[in-house]
Amino acid sequence: MDASLGLENISRIPSPLQDLERPVDFTAYLPVFYANLKPAPRIPTRGRELLSDTNSRAILSLHGLQEIRYQIPAAAVPELWPEIWKWSCFLHTHREAIPDALPETRLYAELLFILDPLLRLKDAALLISRTVGLRRVVARHWALWADTERPDGGYLGGIVIFLGKIKMTDPPNIEEFIDGAGGTIQDVVKVFKRSLEFMPTALPLIRVFFSSLGDFDRDDSHIKDALVDGGLITSLLKVICASGVEYTMLLPIHEVAPTVLAALQLLQRMFKHSLTALTLREAVEAGIFRAVISCGIRGIGSQVIVELLGNVLPLCTMYHSILSSVARSLHDIRDLVSTPAFRTSEIFTMWANFCELAELHISSGRLPRSNLRASSRACGDMECGEIRSKTVFWRCGGCHTVYYCSPDCQRADWTRGGH
């Protein structure tokens, strides 16, 4: 047993007559808390039996540990953490039997308050990460937090710390976390989107959210599909577009810039997974042009911005159904584009080339119907791109938006990610 947990340390607890103006070593209380957490919980069977002497002392000890959590030495964690986890699970399971019981969200929050400093200790974080069921509890707390009408941003900090320190790259760990959030990856995405609505407190979530669920580049298609289908493109672009104005007033640039970069990188990966007419339209209408210009002005994520300008944005001009949104979006940001800060940015030349291409396609789409171009259409499968008379194309029965020159092209386009 670590020396800090030994009962001999009780003698260091200050007496009521001691001059309390002097600094107090609160670790002297650790043996008291540890001794009262060691006994096994008494499972309630009748009425108020939960508040037996054993259980009551353990509850008070958990509250005490929360108060001195930043003074807990790393060497004490291997013996102290199993007792904390044992009693936390017990209190949650039997919370209905506690008179004046705390809400479920508060029970989870108090556990995370204790976890916060412990996870900052390297060896302790490794030990805690092996706790079966902990990821489910944290995910459940996150889901409950996000489901409240006015979530308290203070509680989100513990979740951010947890996601940043406890990796979940193994399938059993991922499934445990998903189960706690609601049972499906769609539930996780829903909670994440809800969190993003409460910026800037939730900004760090972008940096740690996806890395906690595993490597995006591996073959986790169900995760990738959920991120794309769940409207996350819109949420991420809103964060990027607003970060230059709202959040820099509340957070230092060194906090904002890495988060915006992480959002850009997640967008980039999502486009690699599903670059279709629907995802492109969502991006255009959610403000991807404004996001690109904003990042270009501030010099954030230049490599990702170049990738978007070279390989993603030009495809927006290939779909006739998106051109009107492209034209409207370009018109909305004309003042931002004309600023000296952007004209001297690294991406200005690439942006000018893109605008030239976009204007060419927009102008072509505005030609009178009597013109041959107006009576022609391009196949919706980008690998084909066949241009023929509109009368020989078939409209997709799923989205009623994209047209194909043959069933083979439609199947091929859906195989590459659908639209």
Foldseek 3Di string as FASTA:
>chain_A
DDPLQDLVLCVLADDPPDDPVDDHLLSSCNNQQLVLLPDQQDQDDDALCNCDVSNVSNVVSLVSCLVCLLNDDLVCLVSRVVSNVNSLVRCLVCQVRHVVGDPLLVSLLSSLSSVQNQLVDQVSLVVVLPDPLPLLSLLLSLLVQLPDPDHDLVSVVSSLSNLQRRAQADVVSLQSNCVSQPRALLSVLVSLLSLLVDPDSCLSCLVRVPRRNHDLPDPPVRNLCSCQVSLVLLSLLVLLLCLVPPCVVPDPPVSSQVSNLSSLVVVLSSCQQAQAQVSLLSNLLSQVVSSLLSCQLVVGNPVSSVCCLPPRLLVLLQFPLNLVSNVVNCVVCVVSCPDPSSCPGPCNVSVVVSVVSSVVSSVLCPDDCVDPSNQWHFARQPVGRDIDGPVQWDADPPPSRGIHNDPVSQVVNVVSPHD
